[in-house]
Amino acid sequence: TRTETVVLRFGTSTYTYDPNDFWKCANLDAFWYDWYECVEQGTAGGVKVVSGSLHSGPHGQVGGKSGDDSGDLEDVASSPNDPIFFFHHADVDRNAYWW
């Protein structure tokens, strides 16, 4: 019997955003940095574009924290341990492709 934890998640396991937010970032007529700022912070050129972070939001919400411990998706070093990581980053890459 295995007793070790394979994937740590302390978050709610869900993160949603308005589907239109995906296209707002993807359809920016801007430089790469502005696109990156849009998916990372929800702003472009300092102006609010979307309601949240398309990239960091899911890392924190799904990975979560419990005291001083971070869930795998929250932690930069262990986030690839969580299979959700690859689906999530494929979606970020898809946004970059459309941009």
N, C-alpha and C. Protein backbone atom coordinates (compact mmCIF):
# COMPACT_ATOMS: atom_id res chain seq x y z
N THR A 1 0.84 -1.18 0.00
CA THR A 1 0.00 0.00 0.00
C THR A 1 0.89 1.24 0.00
N ARG A 2 0.56 2.16 -0.91
CA ARG A 2 1.32 3.42 -0.95
C ARG A 2 0.78 4.37 0.09
N THR A 3 1.67 5.02 0.81
CA THR A 3 1.25 5.97 1.83
C THR A 3 1.72 7.38 1.53
N GLU A 4 2.66 7.55 0.60
CA GLU A 4 3.16 8.89 0.30
C GLU A 4 2.16 9.64 -0.58
N THR A 5 2.19 10.94 -0.44
CA THR A 5 1.32 11.80 -1.25
C THR A 5 1.97 12.00 -2.61
N VAL A 6 1.19 11.83 -3.66
CA VAL A 6 1.72 11.99 -5.01
C VAL A 6 1.53 13.41 -5.50
N VAL A 7 0.36 13.98 -5.29
CA VAL A 7 0.07 15.36 -5.70
C VAL A 7 -0.56 16.08 -4.52
N LEU A 8 -0.01 17.23 -4.17
CA LEU A 8 -0.58 18.04 -3.09
C LEU A 8 -1.44 19.14 -3.68
N ARG A 9 -2.67 19.23 -3.22
CA ARG A 9 -3.57 20.33 -3.58
C ARG A 9 -4.26 20.82 -2.33
N PHE A 10 -4.13 22.10 -2.04
CA PHE A 10 -4.80 22.69 -0.90
C PHE A 10 -5.87 23.68 -1.34
N GLY A 11 -6.00 23.89 -2.63
CA GLY A 11 -6.95 24.86 -3.14
C GLY A 11 -8.34 24.28 -3.31
N THR A 12 -9.18 25.03 -4.01
CA THR A 12 -10.56 24.61 -4.20
C THR A 12 -10.71 23.68 -5.39
N SER A 13 -9.64 23.48 -6.14
CA SER A 13 -9.62 22.63 -7.34
C SER A 13 -10.39 23.22 -8.51
N THR A 14 -10.87 24.43 -8.37
CA THR A 14 -11.55 25.07 -9.49
C THR A 14 -11.05 26.50 -9.66
N TYR A 15 -11.01 26.94 -10.86
CA TYR A 15 -10.72 28.34 -11.17
C TYR A 15 -11.43 28.64 -12.46
N THR A 16 -12.26 29.62 -12.44
CA THR A 16 -12.99 29.97 -13.66
C THR A 16 -12.77 31.44 -13.98
N TYR A 17 -12.88 31.75 -15.24
CA TYR A 17 -12.86 33.13 -15.68
C TYR A 17 -13.82 33.25 -16.85
N ASP A 18 -14.24 34.45 -17.12
CA ASP A 18 -15.15 34.70 -18.24
C ASP A 18 -14.45 34.27 -19.53
N PRO A 19 -15.07 33.40 -20.33
CA PRO A 19 -14.43 32.98 -21.58
C PRO A 19 -14.05 34.14 -22.49
N ASN A 20 -14.76 35.25 -22.37
CA ASN A 20 -14.41 36.42 -23.17
C ASN A 20 -13.05 36.99 -22.77
N ASP A 21 -12.63 36.76 -21.51
CA ASP A 21 -11.32 37.23 -21.06
C ASP A 21 -10.20 36.57 -21.86
N PHE A 22 -10.37 35.29 -22.17
CA PHE A 22 -9.38 34.59 -22.99
C PHE A 22 -9.18 35.33 -24.30
N TRP A 23 -10.28 35.70 -24.94
CA TRP A 23 -10.20 36.35 -26.26
C TRP A 23 -9.76 37.80 -26.16
N LYS A 24 -10.02 38.45 -25.03
CA LYS A 24 -9.55 39.83 -24.87
C LYS A 24 -8.02 39.87 -24.90
N CYS A 25 -7.39 38.92 -24.23
CA CYS A 25 -5.91 38.86 -24.26
C CYS A 25 -5.42 38.39 -25.63
N ALA A 26 -6.08 37.38 -26.18
CA ALA A 26 -5.65 36.82 -27.47
C ALA A 26 -5.79 37.82 -28.60
N ASN A 27 -6.73 38.75 -28.49
CA ASN A 27 -6.98 39.70 -29.57
C ASN A 27 -6.31 41.06 -29.36
N LEU A 28 -5.42 41.15 -28.38
CA LEU A 28 -4.71 42.42 -28.17
C LEU A 28 -3.89 42.77 -29.40
N ASP A 29 -3.98 43.99 -29.82
CA ASP A 29 -3.13 44.49 -30.90
C ASP A 29 -1.98 45.22 -30.22
N ALA A 30 -1.03 44.43 -29.72
CA ALA A 30 0.02 45.01 -28.88
C ALA A 30 1.28 44.17 -28.99
N PHE A 31 2.30 44.61 -28.27
CA PHE A 31 3.56 43.89 -28.22
C PHE A 31 3.46 42.71 -27.28
N TRP A 32 4.46 41.80 -27.35
CA TRP A 32 4.47 40.59 -26.53
C TRP A 32 4.32 40.91 -25.06
N TYR A 33 5.05 41.93 -24.58
CA TYR A 33 4.99 42.24 -23.16
C TYR A 33 3.56 42.58 -22.74
N ASP A 34 2.82 43.29 -23.58
CA ASP A 34 1.44 43.64 -23.25
C ASP A 34 0.56 42.39 -23.19
N TRP A 35 0.79 41.44 -24.12
CA TRP A 35 0.03 40.19 -24.07
C TRP A 35 0.36 39.44 -22.78
N TYR A 36 1.65 39.35 -22.46
CA TYR A 36 2.07 38.64 -21.25
C TYR A 36 1.47 39.30 -20.00
N GLU A 37 1.49 40.61 -19.96
CA GLU A 37 0.91 41.34 -18.83
C GLU A 37 -0.59 41.04 -18.72
N CYS A 38 -1.25 40.89 -19.85
CA CYS A 38 -2.68 40.59 -19.86
C CYS A 38 -2.95 39.22 -19.25
N VAL A 39 -2.23 38.18 -19.68
CA VAL A 39 -2.49 36.84 -19.15
C VAL A 39 -1.97 36.68 -17.72
N GLU A 40 -0.96 37.44 -17.34
CA GLU A 40 -0.37 37.31 -16.01
C GLU A 40 -1.09 38.16 -14.96
N GLN A 41 -1.40 39.42 -15.31
CA GLN A 41 -1.95 40.35 -14.32
C GLN A 41 -3.35 40.84 -14.66
N GLY A 42 -3.81 40.58 -15.87
CA GLY A 42 -5.13 41.07 -16.27
C GLY A 42 -5.12 42.50 -16.77
N THR A 43 -3.92 43.04 -17.00
CA THR A 43 -3.79 44.42 -17.49
C THR A 43 -2.93 44.43 -18.74
N ALA A 44 -3.00 45.50 -19.48
CA ALA A 44 -2.11 45.71 -20.63
C ALA A 44 -1.79 47.19 -20.67
N GLY A 45 -0.51 47.51 -20.59
CA GLY A 45 -0.11 48.92 -20.54
C GLY A 45 -0.64 49.61 -19.30
N GLY A 46 -0.84 48.83 -18.22
CA GLY A 46 -1.34 49.38 -16.98
C GLY A 46 -2.85 49.55 -16.93
N VAL A 47 -3.55 49.19 -18.00
CA VAL A 47 -5.01 49.34 -18.08
C VAL A 47 -5.65 47.97 -17.86
N LYS A 48 -6.65 47.90 -16.98
CA LYS A 48 -7.34 46.64 -16.70
C LYS A 48 -8.04 46.14 -17.96
N VAL A 49 -7.75 44.90 -18.35
CA VAL A 49 -8.32 44.31 -19.55
C VAL A 49 -9.27 43.16 -19.20
N VAL A 50 -8.85 42.31 -18.27
CA VAL A 50 -9.66 41.16 -17.87
C VAL A 50 -9.81 41.12 -16.36
N SER A 51 -10.73 40.29 -15.88
CA SER A 51 -11.09 40.29 -14.47
C SER A 51 -10.06 39.66 -13.54
N GLY A 52 -9.18 38.82 -14.06
CA GLY A 52 -8.20 38.18 -13.20
C GLY A 52 -7.00 37.73 -14.01
N SER A 53 -6.22 36.86 -13.41
CA SER A 53 -5.02 36.35 -14.09
C SER A 53 -5.33 35.03 -14.75
N LEU A 54 -5.13 34.97 -16.06
CA LEU A 54 -5.36 33.73 -16.79
C LEU A 54 -4.25 32.73 -16.50
N HIS A 55 -3.06 33.21 -16.10
CA HIS A 55 -1.95 32.30 -15.81
C HIS A 55 -1.79 32.03 -14.32
N SER A 56 -1.51 33.03 -13.53
CA SER A 56 -1.22 32.82 -12.11
C SER A 56 -2.44 32.42 -11.29
N GLY A 57 -3.60 32.88 -11.68
CA GLY A 57 -4.81 32.58 -10.92
C GLY A 57 -5.02 31.11 -10.66
N PRO A 58 -5.02 30.28 -11.71
CA PRO A 58 -5.19 28.85 -11.48
C PRO A 58 -4.08 28.21 -10.64
N HIS A 59 -2.85 28.69 -10.78
CA HIS A 59 -1.76 28.14 -9.97
C HIS A 59 -2.07 28.29 -8.49
N GLY A 60 -2.49 29.48 -8.09
CA GLY A 60 -2.78 29.74 -6.67
C GLY A 60 -4.09 29.13 -6.21
N GLN A 61 -5.12 29.22 -7.03
CA GLN A 61 -6.43 28.74 -6.63
C GLN A 61 -6.48 27.22 -6.52
N VAL A 62 -5.90 26.52 -7.46
CA VAL A 62 -5.95 25.06 -7.46
C VAL A 62 -4.87 24.48 -6.53
N GLY A 63 -3.64 25.02 -6.62
CA GLY A 63 -2.56 24.53 -5.76
C GLY A 63 -2.79 24.87 -4.31
N GLY A 64 -3.10 26.15 -4.06
CA GLY A 64 -3.43 26.61 -2.72
C GLY A 64 -2.29 26.51 -1.73
N LYS A 65 -2.60 26.91 -0.49
CA LYS A 65 -1.64 26.86 0.60
C LYS A 65 -2.32 26.30 1.84
N SER A 66 -1.53 25.67 2.67
CA SER A 66 -1.99 25.21 3.98
C SER A 66 -0.88 25.55 4.96
N GLY A 67 -1.04 26.62 5.69
CA GLY A 67 0.03 27.10 6.55
C GLY A 67 1.22 27.53 5.72
N ASP A 68 2.37 26.95 6.00
CA ASP A 68 3.58 27.27 5.24
C ASP A 68 3.76 26.38 4.02
N ASP A 69 2.88 25.39 3.86
CA ASP A 69 2.99 24.45 2.74
C ASP A 69 2.19 24.93 1.55
N SER A 70 2.76 24.74 0.36
CA SER A 70 2.08 25.08 -0.89
C SER A 70 1.69 23.79 -1.60
N GLY A 71 0.56 23.84 -2.27
CA GLY A 71 0.21 22.73 -3.14
C GLY A 71 1.15 22.70 -4.32
N ASP A 72 1.25 21.56 -4.97
CA ASP A 72 2.21 21.44 -6.07
C ASP A 72 2.01 22.49 -7.15
N LEU A 73 0.78 22.76 -7.54
CA LEU A 73 0.55 23.71 -8.64
C LEU A 73 0.92 25.14 -8.24
N GLU A 74 0.90 25.44 -6.95
CA GLU A 74 1.26 26.77 -6.45
C GLU A 74 2.78 26.96 -6.44
N ASP A 75 3.52 25.89 -6.21
CA ASP A 75 4.97 25.95 -6.05
C ASP A 75 5.67 25.87 -7.41
N VAL A 76 6.53 26.82 -7.69
CA VAL A 76 7.22 26.88 -8.99
C VAL A 76 8.03 25.61 -9.25
N ALA A 77 8.69 25.09 -8.24
CA ALA A 77 9.55 23.91 -8.43
C ALA A 77 8.76 22.62 -8.64
N SER A 78 7.58 22.52 -8.03
CA SER A 78 6.84 21.25 -8.11
C SER A 78 5.59 21.32 -8.97
N SER A 79 5.28 22.46 -9.55
CA SER A 79 4.03 22.57 -10.32
C SER A 79 3.91 21.54 -11.44
N PRO A 80 5.00 21.13 -12.12
CA PRO A 80 4.85 20.09 -13.15
C PRO A 80 4.48 18.71 -12.58
N ASN A 81 4.52 18.54 -11.25
CA ASN A 81 4.07 17.27 -10.65
C ASN A 81 2.57 17.08 -10.81
N ASP A 82 1.85 18.17 -10.94
CA ASP A 82 0.39 18.09 -11.04
C ASP A 82 -0.01 18.01 -12.51
N PRO A 83 -0.74 16.97 -12.90
CA PRO A 83 -1.13 16.84 -14.31
C PRO A 83 -1.91 18.04 -14.84
N ILE A 84 -2.60 18.75 -13.96
CA ILE A 84 -3.35 19.93 -14.40
C ILE A 84 -2.41 20.98 -14.99
N PHE A 85 -1.17 21.00 -14.51
CA PHE A 85 -0.18 21.96 -15.00
C PHE A 85 -0.09 21.95 -16.52
N PHE A 86 -0.05 20.76 -17.11
CA PHE A 86 0.15 20.66 -18.56
C PHE A 86 -1.09 21.11 -19.33
N PHE A 87 -2.26 20.82 -18.83
CA PHE A 87 -3.48 21.31 -19.47
C PHE A 87 -3.56 22.83 -19.36
N HIS A 88 -3.22 23.33 -18.17
CA HIS A 88 -3.27 24.77 -17.93
C HIS A 88 -2.29 25.51 -18.84
N HIS A 89 -1.06 25.04 -18.93
CA HIS A 89 -0.07 25.72 -19.75
C HIS A 89 -0.34 25.54 -21.24
N ALA A 90 -0.98 24.46 -21.61
CA ALA A 90 -1.39 24.30 -23.01
C ALA A 90 -2.41 25.37 -23.36
N ASP A 91 -3.27 25.73 -22.41
CA ASP A 91 -4.26 26.78 -22.66
C ASP A 91 -3.60 28.15 -22.76
N VAL A 92 -2.59 28.41 -21.93
CA VAL A 92 -1.84 29.67 -22.03
C VAL A 92 -1.12 29.73 -23.38
N ASP A 93 -0.53 28.61 -23.80
CA ASP A 93 0.13 28.56 -25.10
C ASP A 93 -0.87 28.76 -26.24
N ARG A 94 -2.07 28.22 -26.07
CA ARG A 94 -3.13 28.40 -27.08
C ARG A 94 -3.48 29.88 -27.20
N ASN A 95 -3.52 30.58 -26.06
CA ASN A 95 -3.81 32.00 -26.09
C ASN A 95 -2.72 32.75 -26.85
N ALA A 96 -1.46 32.38 -26.58
CA ALA A 96 -0.34 33.01 -27.29
C ALA A 96 -0.43 32.73 -28.79
N TYR A 97 -0.82 31.54 -29.16
CA TYR A 97 -0.97 31.19 -30.57
C TYR A 97 -2.00 32.09 -31.25
N TRP A 98 -3.15 32.28 -30.61
CA TRP A 98 -4.19 33.13 -31.20
C TRP A 98 -3.76 34.59 -31.22
N TRP A 99 -2.99 35.01 -30.21
CA TRP A 99 -2.51 36.39 -30.18
C TRP A 99 -1.62 36.62 -31.36
